[in-house]
C-alpha atoms as a PDB file:
ATOM      1  CA  MET A   1      -0.308  -5.281  13.339  1.00  0.00           C
ATOM      2  CA  SER A   2      -2.444  -6.072  10.374  1.00  0.00           C
ATOM      3  CA  TRP A   3      -5.481  -3.810   9.579  1.00  0.00           C
ATOM      4  CA  TYR A   4      -8.024  -6.610  10.367  1.00  0.00           C
ATOM      5  CA  ASN A   5      -6.743  -6.782  13.812  1.00  0.00           C
ATOM      6  CA  GLU A   6      -6.954  -3.254  14.586  1.00  0.00           C
ATOM      7  CA  LYS A   7     -10.173  -0.921  15.416  1.00  0.00           C
ATOM      8  CA  GLY A   8     -11.297   1.907  13.273  1.00  0.00           C
ATOM      9  CA  GLU A   9     -13.686   4.582  12.511  1.00  0.00           C
ATOM     10  CA  MET A  10     -17.036   3.866  11.209  1.00  0.00           C
ATOM     11  CA  GLN A  11     -16.102   0.030  11.704  1.00  0.00           C
ATOM     12  CA  ASP A  12     -19.855  -1.152  11.841  1.00  0.00           C
ATOM     13  CA  VAL A  13     -19.891  -0.352   8.199  1.00  0.00           C
ATOM     14  CA  VAL A  14     -16.507   0.201   6.676  1.00  0.00           C
ATOM     15  CA  LEU A  15     -14.001  -2.556   7.330  1.00  0.00           C
ATOM     16  CA  SER A  16     -10.991  -0.891   5.682  1.00  0.00           C
ATOM     17  CA  THR A  17      -9.745   2.052   3.818  1.00  0.00           C
ATOM     18  CA  ARG A  18      -6.959   2.011   1.249  1.00  0.00           C
ATOM     19  CA  VAL A  19      -5.079   4.719  -0.396  1.00  0.00           C
ATOM     20  CA  ARG A  20      -2.888   3.628  -3.551  1.00  0.00           C
ATOM     21  CA  PHE A  21      -0.435   5.515  -5.623  1.00  0.00           C
ATOM     22  CA  ALA A  22       0.777   4.361  -8.995  1.00  0.00           C
ATOM     23  CA  ARG A  23       4.164   5.170 -10.107  1.00  0.00           C
ATOM     24  CA  ASN A  24       6.670   4.110 -12.961  1.00  0.00           C
ATOM     25  CA  LEU A  25      10.179   4.666 -13.239  1.00  0.00           C
ATOM     26  CA  ASP A  26      11.366   6.891 -16.301  1.00  0.00           C
ATOM     27  CA  GLY A  27      13.693   4.928 -18.652  1.00  0.00           C
ATOM     28  CA  TYR A  28      11.955   1.686 -18.513  1.00  0.00           C
ATOM     29  CA  PRO A  29       8.876   0.257 -20.482  1.00  0.00           C
ATOM     30  CA  PHE A  30       5.473  -0.567 -18.718  1.00  0.00           C
ATOM     31  CA  THR A  31       5.477  -3.734 -16.474  1.00  0.00           C
ATOM     32  CA  SER A  32       3.827  -5.682 -19.389  1.00  0.00           C
ATOM     33  CA  ARG A  33       6.741  -5.179 -21.533  1.00  0.00           C
ATOM     34  CA  ILE A  34       9.903  -5.573 -19.315  1.00  0.00           C
ATOM     35  CA  SER A  35      12.277  -8.486 -18.973  1.00  0.00           C
ATOM     36  CA  ASP A  36      13.044 -10.253 -15.849  1.00  0.00           C
ATOM     37  CA  LYS A  37      16.418  -8.456 -16.184  1.00  0.00           C
ATOM     38  CA  ASP A  38      14.688  -5.149 -15.766  1.00  0.00           C
ATOM     39  CA  ALA A  39      12.325  -6.173 -13.360  1.00  0.00           C
ATOM     40  CA  ASP A  40      14.840  -7.334 -11.000  1.00  0.00           C
ATOM     41  CA  GLU A  41      16.838  -4.204 -11.593  1.00  0.00           C
ATOM     42  CA  ILE A  42      13.563  -2.041 -10.642  1.00  0.00           C
ATOM     43  CA  ILE A  43      13.073  -4.303  -7.402  1.00  0.00           C
ATOM     44  CA  GLU A  44      16.755  -3.620  -6.379  1.00  0.00           C
ATOM     45  CA  LYS A  45      16.255   0.275  -6.864  1.00  0.00           C
ATOM     46  CA  VAL A  46      12.960   0.363  -5.188  1.00  0.00           C
ATOM     47  CA  SER A  47      14.199  -1.699  -2.188  1.00  0.00           C
ATOM     48  CA  ALA A  48      17.449   0.393  -1.846  1.00  0.00           C
ATOM     49  CA  SER A  49      15.359   3.502  -1.672  1.00  0.00           C
ATOM     50  CA  LEU A  50      13.328   2.195   1.261  1.00  0.00           C
ATOM     51  CA  PRO A  51      16.102   0.431   3.506  1.00  0.00           C
ATOM     52  CA  GLU A  52      13.686   0.055   6.575  1.00  0.00           C
ATOM     53  CA  TYR A  53      11.027  -1.808   4.549  1.00  0.00           C
ATOM     54  CA  SER A  54      11.090  -5.437   4.361  1.00  0.00           C
ATOM     55  CA  CYS A  55      11.130  -7.033   0.860  1.00  0.00           C
ATOM     56  CA  GLU A  56       9.883 -10.372  -0.323  1.00  0.00           C
ATOM     57  CA  ARG A  57      10.568 -11.297  -3.827  1.00  0.00           C
ATOM     58  CA  PHE A  58       8.199 -13.674  -5.911  1.00  0.00           C
ATOM     59  CA  PHE A  59       8.966 -15.612  -8.901  1.00  0.00           C
ATOM     60  CA  ASP A  60       6.765 -18.234 -10.757  1.00  0.00           C
ATOM     61  CA  GLY A  61       5.541 -20.993  -8.926  1.00  0.00           C
ATOM     62  CA  MET A  62       5.115 -19.069  -5.821  1.00  0.00           C
ATOM     63  CA  GLY A  63       1.216 -18.282  -6.307  1.00  0.00           C
ATOM     64  CA  ALA A  64       0.090 -20.022  -3.175  1.00  0.00           C
ATOM     65  CA  LYS A  65       1.596 -17.356  -0.694  1.00  0.00           C
ATOM     66  CA  CYS A  66       0.708 -14.695  -3.089  1.00  0.00           C
ATOM     67  CA  ARG A  67      -3.078 -15.838  -3.101  1.00  0.00           C
ATOM     68  CA  ALA A  68      -3.016 -15.634   0.798  1.00  0.00           C
ATOM     69  CA  TYR A  69      -1.488 -11.966   0.621  1.00  0.00           C
ATOM     70  CA  MET A  70      -4.266 -11.316  -1.941  1.00  0.00           C
ATOM     71  CA  GLU A  71      -6.923 -12.755   0.525  1.00  0.00           C
ATOM     72  CA  MET A  72      -5.586 -10.270   3.180  1.00  0.00           C
ATOM     73  CA  HIS A  73      -5.694  -7.614   0.661  1.00  0.00           C
ATOM     74  CA  TYR A  74      -1.841  -6.763   0.572  1.00  0.00           C
ATOM     75  CA  VAL A  75      -1.536  -7.475  -3.224  1.00  0.00           C
ATOM     76  CA  SER A  76      -4.015  -7.582  -5.942  1.00  0.00           C
ATOM     77  CA  PRO A  77      -5.225 -10.512  -7.945  1.00  0.00           C
ATOM     78  CA  GLU A  78      -3.119  -9.632 -10.874  1.00  0.00           C
ATOM     79  CA  PHE A  79      -0.052  -9.698  -8.712  1.00  0.00           C
ATOM     80  CA  ALA A  80      -0.964 -12.836  -7.095  1.00  0.00           C
ATOM     81  CA  ASN A  81      -1.557 -14.697 -10.661  1.00  0.00           C
ATOM     82  CA  SER A  82       1.552 -13.155 -12.142  1.00  0.00           C
ATOM     83  CA  SER A  83       4.494 -15.395 -13.408  1.00  0.00           C
ATOM     84  CA  ARG A  84       6.978 -12.600 -13.696  1.00  0.00           C
ATOM     85  CA  HIS A  85       9.371 -11.351 -11.442  1.00  0.00           C
ATOM     86  CA  ARG A  86       8.005  -9.138  -8.724  1.00  0.00           C
ATOM     87  CA  ALA A  87       8.180  -8.058  -5.043  1.00  0.00           C
ATOM     88  CA  LEU A  88       6.090  -7.048  -2.011  1.00  0.00           C
ATOM     89  CA  LEU A  89       7.836  -4.300   0.363  1.00  0.00           C
ATOM     90  CA  THR A  90       6.191  -3.835   3.866  1.00  0.00           C
ATOM     91  CA  GLY A  91       6.780  -1.066   6.130  1.00  0.00           C
ATOM     92  CA  GLU A  92       5.249   1.598   8.552  1.00  0.00           C
ATOM     93  CA  LYS A  93       4.416  -1.093  10.913  1.00  0.00           C
ATOM     94  CA  GLU A  94       2.491  -3.253   8.512  1.00  0.00           C
ATOM     95  CA  HIS A  95       0.320  -0.405   7.282  1.00  0.00           C
ATOM     96  CA  VAL A  96       1.985   0.234   3.782  1.00  0.00           C
ATOM     97  CA  TYR A  97       2.385  -2.511   1.110  1.00  0.00           C
ATOM     98  CA  ILE A  98       4.274  -1.596  -1.912  1.00  0.00           C
ATOM     99  CA  MET A  99       3.732  -4.069  -4.963  1.00  0.00           C
ATOM    100  CA  VAL A 100       6.863  -3.776  -7.340  1.00  0.00           C
ATOM    101  CA  CYS A 101       6.086  -4.772 -11.226  1.00  0.00           C
ATOM    102  CA  GLU A 102       2.371  -5.376 -10.968  1.00  0.00           C
ATOM    103  CA  GLU A 103       0.535  -3.415 -13.699  1.00  0.00           C
ATOM    104  CA  ASP A 104       2.862  -0.532 -12.984  1.00  0.00           C
ATOM    105  CA  HIS A 105       6.451  -0.588 -11.742  1.00  0.00           C
ATOM    106  CA  ILE A 106       5.359   0.564  -8.110  1.00  0.00           C
ATOM    107  CA  ARG A 107       1.916   0.376  -6.476  1.00  0.00           C
ATOM    108  CA  ILE A 108       2.224   2.077  -3.042  1.00  0.00           C
ATOM    109  CA  GLN A 109      -0.719   0.880  -1.063  1.00  0.00           C
ATOM    110  CA  SER A 110      -1.650   1.879   2.702  1.00  0.00           C
ATOM    111  CA  ILE A 111      -4.288  -0.245   4.478  1.00  0.00           C
ATOM    112  CA  VAL A 112      -5.998   0.881   7.739  1.00  0.00           C
ATOM    113  CA  ALA A 113      -8.947  -0.243   9.717  1.00  0.00           C
ATOM    114  CA  GLY A 114     -12.165   1.338   9.319  1.00  0.00           C
ATOM    115  CA  PHE A 115     -12.591   4.685   7.410  1.00  0.00           C
ATOM    116  CA  ALA A 116      -9.539   6.944   7.762  1.00  0.00           C
ATOM    117  CA  PRO A 117      -8.664   8.035   4.273  1.00  0.00           C
ATOM    118  CA  GLN A 118      -6.447  10.898   5.753  1.00  0.00           C
ATOM    119  CA  GLN A 119      -4.297   8.661   7.762  1.00  0.00           C
ATOM    120  CA  ALA A 120      -3.881   6.097   5.069  1.00  0.00           C
ATOM    121  CA  PHE A 121      -2.889   8.939   2.582  1.00  0.00           C
ATOM    122  CA  GLU A 122      -0.174  10.358   5.113  1.00  0.00           C
ATOM    123  CA  TYR A 123       1.258   6.649   5.501  1.00  0.00           C
ATOM    124  CA  ALA A 124       1.511   6.123   1.827  1.00  0.00           C
ATOM    125  CA  SER A 125       2.694   9.755   1.005  1.00  0.00           C
ATOM    126  CA  ARG A 126       6.038   9.011   3.349  1.00  0.00           C
ATOM    127  CA  ALA A 127       6.780   6.262   1.071  1.00  0.00           C
ATOM    128  CA  ASP A 128       6.241   8.148  -1.965  1.00  0.00           C
ATOM    129  CA  ASP A 129       8.263  11.048  -0.699  1.00  0.00           C
ATOM    130  CA  MET A 130      11.143   8.828   0.011  1.00  0.00           C
ATOM    131  CA  LEU A 131      11.038   7.084  -3.381  1.00  0.00           C
ATOM    132  CA  GLY A 132      10.768  10.460  -5.128  1.00  0.00           C
ATOM    133  CA  LYS A 133      14.000  11.666  -3.547  1.00  0.00           C
ATOM    134  CA  GLU A 134      15.961   8.550  -4.745  1.00  0.00           C
ATOM    135  CA  LEU A 135      14.308   7.369  -7.920  1.00  0.00           C
ATOM    136  CA  LYS A 136      13.516   9.554 -11.274  1.00  0.00           C
ATOM    137  CA  ILE A 137       9.520   8.989 -11.708  1.00  0.00           C
ATOM    138  CA  ALA A 138       7.794   9.055 -15.022  1.00  0.00           C
ATOM    139  CA  PHE A 139       5.881  12.366 -14.864  1.00  0.00           C
ATOM    140  CA  SER A 140       4.302  14.710 -17.585  1.00  0.00           C
ATOM    141  CA  GLU A 141       3.412  18.472 -16.986  1.00  0.00           C
ATOM    142  CA  LYS A 142       0.290  17.875 -18.998  1.00  0.00           C
ATOM    143  CA  TYR A 143      -0.899  14.314 -17.964  1.00  0.00           C
ATOM    144  CA  GLY A 144       0.682  13.984 -14.447  1.00  0.00           C
ATOM    145  CA  TYR A 145       2.162  10.640 -13.295  1.00  0.00           C
ATOM    146  CA  LEU A 146       2.324   8.443 -16.380  1.00  0.00           C
ATOM    147  CA  THR A 147       0.658   5.095 -15.914  1.00  0.00           C
ATOM    148  CA  HIS A 148      -0.091   1.867 -17.667  1.00  0.00           C
ATOM    149  CA  CYS A 149      -3.738   2.611 -17.524  1.00  0.00           C
ATOM    150  CA  PRO A 150      -5.167   6.071 -18.609  1.00  0.00           C
ATOM    151  CA  THR A 151      -7.563   6.197 -15.970  1.00  0.00           C
ATOM    152  CA  ASN A 152      -4.683   6.463 -13.541  1.00  0.00           C
ATOM    153  CA  LEU A 153      -3.230   9.349 -15.165  1.00  0.00           C
ATOM    154  CA  GLY A 154      -3.130  12.763 -13.155  1.00  0.00           C
ATOM    155  CA  ALA A 155      -2.428  12.121  -9.297  1.00  0.00           C
ATOM    156  CA  ALA A 156      -2.445   8.494 -10.011  1.00  0.00           C
ATOM    157  CA  MET A 157      -4.188   7.960  -6.750  1.00  0.00           C
ATOM    158  CA  ARG A 158      -7.119   5.737  -5.836  1.00  0.00           C
ATOM    159  CA  VAL A 159      -8.837   5.919  -2.563  1.00  0.00           C
ATOM    160  CA  SER A 160     -10.991   2.760  -1.830  1.00  0.00           C
ATOM    161  CA  ALA A 161     -12.960   1.322   1.112  1.00  0.00           C
ATOM    162  CA  MET A 162     -14.443  -1.952   1.761  1.00  0.00           C
ATOM    163  CA  LEU A 163     -18.074  -1.830   3.061  1.00  0.00           C
ATOM    164  CA  CYS A 164     -20.383  -4.133   4.427  1.00  0.00           C
ATOM    165  CA  LEU A 165     -23.959  -3.390   3.387  1.00  0.00           C
ATOM    166  CA  PRO A 166     -26.544  -6.106   4.480  1.00  0.00           C
ATOM    167  CA  ALA A 167     -29.401  -4.031   5.233  1.00  0.00           C
ATOM    168  CA  LEU A 168     -29.017  -2.147   1.703  1.00  0.00           C
ATOM    169  CA  THR A 169     -28.725  -5.654   0.045  1.00  0.00           C
ATOM    170  CA  MET A 170     -31.694  -6.987   1.911  1.00  0.00           C
ATOM    171  CA  ASN A 171     -33.968  -4.235   1.106  1.00  0.00           C
ATOM    172  CA  ARG A 172     -32.847  -4.169  -2.371  1.00  0.00           C
ATOM    173  CA  THR A 173     -31.919  -0.656  -2.644  1.00  0.00           C
ATOM    174  CA  ILE A 174     -28.288  -1.319  -3.172  1.00  0.00           C
ATOM    175  CA  GLU A 175     -28.283  -0.993  -6.978  1.00  0.00           C
ATOM    176  CA  ARG A 176     -29.895   2.502  -6.339  1.00  0.00           C
ATOM    177  CA  TYR A 177     -27.042   3.664  -4.300  1.00  0.00           C
ATOM    178  CA  ILE A 178     -24.471   2.012  -6.921  1.00  0.00           C
ATOM    179  CA  SER A 179     -26.023   4.017  -9.606  1.00  0.00           C
ATOM    180  CA  ALA A 180     -25.850   7.138  -7.576  1.00  0.00           C
ATOM    181  CA  ALA A 181     -22.111   6.710  -6.654  1.00  0.00           C
ATOM    182  CA  GLY A 182     -21.268   6.225 -10.251  1.00  0.00           C
ATOM    183  CA  LYS A 183     -22.778   9.300 -11.049  1.00  0.00           C
ATOM    184  CA  MET A 184     -20.456  11.116  -8.580  1.00  0.00           C
ATOM    185  CA  GLY A 185     -17.393   9.435 -10.175  1.00  0.00           C
ATOM    186  CA  VAL A 186     -17.133   6.348  -7.790  1.00  0.00           C
ATOM    187  CA  THR A 187     -17.064   2.937  -8.792  1.00  0.00           C
ATOM    188  CA  VAL A 188     -18.440  -0.203  -6.786  1.00  0.00           C
ATOM    189  CA  ARG A 189     -16.982  -3.571  -7.208  1.00  0.00           C
ATOM    190  CA  GLY A 190     -16.483  -6.774  -5.419  1.00  0.00           C
ATOM    191  CA  LEU A 191     -14.242  -7.935  -2.352  1.00  0.00           C
ATOM    192  CA  TYR A 192     -11.025  -8.025  -4.590  1.00  0.00           C
ATOM    193  CA  GLY A 193     -11.726  -5.004  -6.616  1.00  0.00           C
ATOM    194  CA  GLU A 194     -11.779  -4.861 -10.498  1.00  0.00           C
ATOM    195  CA  GLY A 195     -13.637  -7.929 -11.932  1.00  0.00           C
ATOM    196  CA  SER A 196     -14.458  -9.394  -8.803  1.00  0.00           C
ATOM    197  CA  ARG A 197     -18.232  -9.855  -7.580  1.00  0.00           C
ATOM    198  CA  ALA A 198     -19.725  -8.886  -4.221  1.00  0.00           C
ATOM    199  CA  SER A 199     -19.844 -11.458  -1.553  1.00  0.00           C
ATOM    200  CA  GLY A 200     -21.493 -11.698   1.621  1.00  0.00           C
ATOM    201  CA  CYS A 201     -22.745  -8.146   1.231  1.00  0.00           C
ATOM    202  CA  LEU A 202     -19.115  -6.744   0.945  1.00  0.00           C
ATOM    203  CA  TYR A 203     -18.349  -4.119  -1.544  1.00  0.00           C
ATOM    204  CA  GLN A 204     -15.248  -2.153  -2.519  1.00  0.00           C
ATOM    205  CA  ILE A 205     -15.736   1.354  -3.697  1.00  0.00           C
ATOM    206  CA  SER A 206     -13.265   3.796  -5.070  1.00  0.00           C
ATOM    207  CA  ASN A 207     -12.903   6.732  -7.275  1.00  0.00           C
ATOM    208  CA  LYS A 208     -13.070   5.947 -11.200  1.00  0.00           C
ATOM    209  CA  ALA A 209     -10.243   8.330 -12.312  1.00  0.00           C
ATOM    210  CA  SER A 210      -7.775  10.923 -11.084  1.00  0.00           C
ATOM    211  CA  LEU A 211      -6.903  12.970 -13.848  1.00  0.00           C
ATOM    212  CA  GLY A 212      -7.818  16.653 -13.262  1.00  0.00           C
ATOM    213  CA  MET A 213      -8.499  15.984  -9.675  1.00  0.00           C
ATOM    214  CA  GLY A 214      -6.227  16.893  -6.631  1.00  0.00           C
ATOM    215  CA  GLU A 215      -5.390  14.586  -4.009  1.00  0.00           C
ATOM    216  CA  GLY A 216      -7.609  16.523  -1.418  1.00  0.00           C
ATOM    217  CA  GLU A 217     -10.338  16.544  -3.776  1.00  0.00           C
ATOM    218  CA  ILE A 218     -10.404  12.625  -4.432  1.00  0.00           C
ATOM    219  CA  ILE A 219     -10.292  12.194  -0.358  1.00  0.00           C
ATOM    220  CA  LYS A 220     -13.117  14.545  -0.069  1.00  0.00           C
ATOM    221  CA  LEU A 221     -15.262  12.928  -2.869  1.00  0.00           C
ATOM    222  CA  MET A 222     -14.761   9.570  -1.211  1.00  0.00           C
ATOM    223  CA  SER A 223     -15.552  10.723   2.297  1.00  0.00           C
ATOM    224  CA  GLU A 224     -18.855  12.028   0.955  1.00  0.00           C
ATOM    225  CA  VAL A 225     -19.794   8.816  -0.772  1.00  0.00           C
ATOM    226  CA  VAL A 226     -18.757   6.618   1.933  1.00  0.00           C
ATOM    227  CA  THR A 227     -20.581   8.734   4.784  1.00  0.00           C
ATOM    228  CA  LYS A 228     -23.631   8.795   2.578  1.00  0.00           C
ATOM    229  CA  LEU A 229     -23.656   4.958   2.418  1.00  0.00           C
ATOM    230  CA  ALA A 230     -22.873   4.416   5.803  1.00  0.00           C
ATOM    231  CA  GLU A 231     -25.762   6.643   6.944  1.00  0.00           C
ATOM    232  CA  ALA A 232     -28.008   5.024   4.623  1.00  0.00           C
ATOM    233  CA  GLU A 233     -26.955   1.451   5.783  1.00  0.00           C
ATOM    234  CA  ARG A 234     -27.532   2.405   9.440  1.00  0.00           C
ATOM    235  CA  LYS A 235     -30.771   3.686   8.597  1.00  0.00           C
ATOM    236  CA  SER A 236     -31.782   0.563   6.777  1.00  0.00           C
ATOM    237  CA  ARG A 237     -30.706  -1.506   9.592  1.00  0.00           C
ATOM    238  CA  GLU A 238     -32.701  -0.115  12.094  1.00  0.00           C
ATOM    239  CA  MET A 239     -35.623   0.183   9.885  1.00  0.00           C
ATOM    240  CA  LEU A 240     -35.229  -3.617   9.325  1.00  0.00           C
ATOM    241  CA  PHE A 241     -34.938  -4.302  12.843  1.00  0.00           C
ATOM    242  CA  GLU A 242     -38.062  -2.290  13.798  1.00  0.00           C
ATOM    243  CA  ALA A 243     -40.115  -3.847  11.074  1.00  0.00           C
ATOM    244  CA  ASN A 244     -39.096  -7.437  11.478  1.00  0.00           C
ATOM    245  CA  ARG A 245     -37.235  -7.721  14.586  1.00  0.00           C
ATOM    246  CA  ASP A 246     -38.117 -11.151  15.462  1.00  0.00           C
ATOM    247  CA  LYS A 247     -37.275 -12.640  11.906  1.00  0.00           C
ATOM    248  CA  LEU A 248     -34.033 -10.726  11.848  1.00  0.00           C
ATOM    249  CA  MET A 249     -33.132 -12.150  15.359  1.00  0.00           C
ATOM    250  CA  ASP A 250     -33.816 -15.614  14.267  1.00  0.00           C
ATOM    251  CA  LYS A 251     -31.859 -15.091  11.281  1.00  0.00           C
ATOM    252  CA  ILE A 252     -28.703 -13.867  13.291  1.00  0.00           C
ATOM    253  CA  ALA A 253     -29.409 -16.643  15.824  1.00  0.00           C
ATOM    254  CA  ARG A 254     -29.516 -19.435  13.263  1.00  0.00           C
ATOM    255  CA  CYS A 255     -26.510 -17.885  11.480  1.00  0.00           C
ATOM    256  CA  LEU A 256     -24.659 -18.365  14.793  1.00  0.00           C
ATOM    257  CA  GLY A 257     -26.106 -21.572  15.544  1.00  0.00           C
ATOM    258  CA  ILE A 258     -24.976 -23.072  12.199  1.00  0.00           C
ATOM    259  CA  LEU A 259     -21.456 -21.743  12.589  1.00  0.00           C
ATOM    260  CA  LYS A 260     -20.814 -22.961  16.133  1.00  0.00           C
ATOM    261  CA  ASN A 261     -21.914 -26.514  15.280  1.00  0.00           C
ATOM    262  CA  ALA A 262     -20.871 -27.006  11.529  1.00  0.00           C
ATOM    263  CA  HIS A 263     -18.506 -29.971  11.013  1.00  0.00           C
ATOM    264  CA  MET A 264     -17.752 -28.667   7.732  1.00  0.00           C
ATOM    265  CA  LEU A 265     -17.813 -25.118   6.165  1.00  0.00           C
ATOM    266  CA  THR A 266     -16.884 -23.900   2.752  1.00  0.00           C
ATOM    267  CA  SER A 267     -15.195 -20.441   2.049  1.00  0.00           C
ATOM    268  CA  ALA A 268     -18.227 -19.235   0.452  1.00  0.00           C
ATOM    269  CA  GLU A 269     -20.639 -20.309   3.305  1.00  0.00           C
ATOM    270  CA  ALA A 270     -18.351 -18.536   5.833  1.00  0.00           C
ATOM    271  CA  SER A 271     -18.144 -15.269   3.755  1.00  0.00           C
ATOM    272  CA  GLU A 272     -21.936 -15.222   3.256  1.00  0.00           C
ATOM    273  CA  SER A 273     -22.457 -15.538   6.972  1.00  0.00           C
ATOM    274  CA  PHE A 274     -20.081 -12.805   7.768  1.00  0.00           C
ATOM    275  CA  SER A 275     -22.877 -10.276   7.018  1.00  0.00           C
ATOM    276  CA  ASP A 276     -25.544 -11.834   9.279  1.00  0.00           C
ATOM    277  CA  LEU A 277     -22.765 -11.640  12.187  1.00  0.00           C
ATOM    278  CA  LYS A 278     -21.924  -8.032  11.187  1.00  0.00           C
ATOM    279  CA  LEU A 279     -25.667  -7.073  11.386  1.00  0.00           C
ATOM    280  CA  GLY A 280     -25.955  -8.869  14.823  1.00  0.00           C
ATOM    281  CA  VAL A 281     -23.025  -6.970  16.158  1.00  0.00           C
ATOM    282  CA  SER A 282     -24.216  -3.571  14.816  1.00  0.00           C
ATOM    283  CA  LEU A 283     -27.695  -4.256  16.300  1.00  0.00           C
ATOM    284  CA  GLY A 284     -26.574  -5.398  19.661  1.00  0.00           C
ATOM    285  CA  ALA A 285     -27.915  -8.650  19.162  1.00  0.00           C
ATOM    286  CA  LEU A 286     -24.471 -10.550  19.595  1.00  0.00           C
ATOM    287  CA  GLU A 287     -22.640 -10.671  22.895  1.00  0.00           C
ATOM    288  CA  ASN A 288     -18.630 -11.200  23.144  1.00  0.00           C
ATOM    289  CA  ILE A 289     -17.675 -10.342  19.845  1.00  0.00           C
ATOM    290  CA  THR A 290     -16.337  -7.390  18.049  1.00  0.00           C
ATOM    291  CA  ASP A 291     -15.935  -5.986  14.728  1.00  0.00           C
ATOM    292  CA  GLU A 292     -12.372  -6.556  14.709  1.00  0.00           C
ATOM    293  CA  LYS A 293     -12.585 -10.285  15.639  1.00  0.00           C
ATOM    294  CA  LEU A 294     -15.168 -10.591  12.866  1.00  0.00           C
ATOM    295  CA  ASN A 295     -12.615  -8.828  10.337  1.00  0.00           C
ATOM    296  CA  GLU A 296      -9.932 -11.320  11.651  1.00  0.00           C
ATOM    297  CA  MET A 297     -12.371 -14.236  11.186  1.00  0.00           C
ATOM    298  CA  LEU A 298     -13.161 -13.202   7.533  1.00  0.00           C
ATOM    299  CA  ILE A 299      -9.497 -13.215   6.526  1.00  0.00           C
ATOM    300  CA  ALA A 300      -8.617 -16.572   8.343  1.00  0.00           C
ATOM    301  CA  VAL A 301     -11.381 -18.446   6.685  1.00  0.00           C
ATOM    302  CA  GLN A 302     -10.092 -17.705   3.011  1.00  0.00           C
ATOM    303  CA  PRO A 303      -8.563 -20.816   1.312  1.00  0.00           C
ATOM    304  CA  ALA A 304      -4.886 -19.753   1.091  1.00  0.00           C
ATOM    305  CA  THR A 305      -4.751 -17.924   4.434  1.00  0.00           C
ATOM    306  CA  LEU A 306      -6.310 -20.959   6.100  1.00  0.00           C
ATOM    307  CA  SER A 307      -3.788 -23.051   4.423  1.00  0.00           C
ATOM    308  CA  MET A 308      -0.885 -20.853   5.713  1.00  0.00           C
ATOM    309  CA  LEU A 309      -2.329 -21.002   9.268  1.00  0.00           C
ATOM    310  CA  LYS A 310      -2.847 -24.895   9.151  1.00  0.00           C
ATOM    311  CA  GLU A 311      -0.383 -26.850   7.339  1.00  0.00           C
ATOM    312  CA  GLY A 312      -1.155 -29.880   5.403  1.00  0.00           C
ATOM    313  CA  LEU A 313      -4.573 -28.909   3.918  1.00  0.00           C
ATOM    314  CA  GLU A 314      -4.266 -30.074   0.328  1.00  0.00           C
ATOM    315  CA  ARG A 315      -7.848 -30.915  -0.341  1.00  0.00           C
ATOM    316  CA  ASP A 316     -11.238 -28.848  -0.397  1.00  0.00           C
ATOM    317  CA  ASN A 317     -12.768 -31.242   2.092  1.00  0.00           C
ATOM    318  CA  GLU A 318      -9.652 -30.977   4.372  1.00  0.00           C
ATOM    319  CA  ARG A 319      -9.963 -27.045   4.454  1.00  0.00           C
ATOM    320  CA  ASP A 320     -13.691 -27.325   4.888  1.00  0.00           C
ATOM    321  CA  LEU A 321     -13.140 -29.466   8.049  1.00  0.00           C
ATOM    322  CA  ALA A 322     -10.382 -27.099   9.392  1.00  0.00           C
ATOM    323  CA  ARG A 323     -12.351 -24.014   8.395  1.00  0.00           C
ATOM    324  CA  ALA A 324     -15.226 -25.207  10.447  1.00  0.00           C
ATOM    325  CA  GLY A 325     -13.078 -26.059  13.473  1.00  0.00           C
ATOM    326  CA  LEU A 326     -11.322 -22.642  13.332  1.00  0.00           C
ATOM    327  CA  VAL A 327     -14.991 -20.760  13.072  1.00  0.00           C
ATOM    328  CA  ARG A 328     -16.159 -22.863  16.181  1.00  0.00           C
ATOM    329  CA  ASP A 329     -13.189 -21.789  18.123  1.00  0.00           C
ATOM    330  CA  MET A 330     -13.217 -18.166  17.256  1.00  0.00           C
ATOM    331  CA  LEU A 331     -17.126 -17.965  18.142  1.00  0.00           C
ATOM    332  CA  SER A 332     -17.362 -20.371  21.193  1.00  0.00           C
ATOM    333  CA  GLY A 333     -17.969 -17.499  23.592  1.00  0.00           C
ATOM    334  CA  VAL A 334     -20.264 -15.797  21.380  1.00  0.00           C
ATOM    335  CA  THR A 335     -24.048 -15.803  22.392  1.00  0.00           C
ATOM    336  CA  VAL A 336     -27.396 -14.141  21.321  1.00  0.00           C
ATOM    337  CA  ARG A 337     -28.624 -11.531  23.401  1.00  0.00           C
ATOM    338  CA  HIS A 338     -32.307 -12.466  23.695  1.00  0.00           C
ATOM    339  CA  GLY A 339     -35.038 -10.279  24.929  1.00  0.00           C
END
């Protein structure tokens, strides 16, 4: 079962947690300099080391499916847009996704619902241990795991969390919290990581570097930052609701009304509406909808994913029509709790 269908801890604020390890095979250049032959050899070696994992290969011209996987956060934008030979391995009951021949030869990713860095770490570590037993991983006693980007040296581990922060965004304190997180060694990006913008009050936060830090230290740092952000967001939601109850209820009700009656809906409109619905669920203003259902809808309305769910959507207006119909169906039983 995919992360966006599951229930998780702190899910009123945190959509998902990801733990990622970057690894490279000794004896090969970094991915940016390898040939397709080398890439195929690496894919074969990694796949053979994880026989219980499924392996899906990608070549130039298969970008549409990759874009859908990117929207589901299984692969990175760089992987989705690449023309080189690459592969995606899936295991641990769809909790681990391994990109082969992305920026590094191996990117082990574990994605779980809500905030559960230790659980994600354990999933990813099992795959890492299996690969380490079968393959010679590039490692330096001085610098740790050798990676394409210097910021990944050391443990070569990133812990990231996807947060929905509508109240901090609405009361214009989000920049202050982003600045404070930066001073603690954490970076804040948009929905799809490096180079992407925040959309619909969705932010992805992760540790900036791993050199000189142990795995436990990274998890502890991220836990402290995410907990503080979640507490600040919850407090801000309560303050906004107490100070502007009627206006906030009207905003949530109007958002639901538009989505339940829209004939056409762009992906940007759907994503921007997500935070209002999320706010409504957390404040008890909406009935018959859960955080898991919201997460499922957030992924389903994305362009490439929608095209996979409903075949024959070649033009934007066709997707906008289909998206509106999908959202109407998913929200059909949702109501506003007045009073």
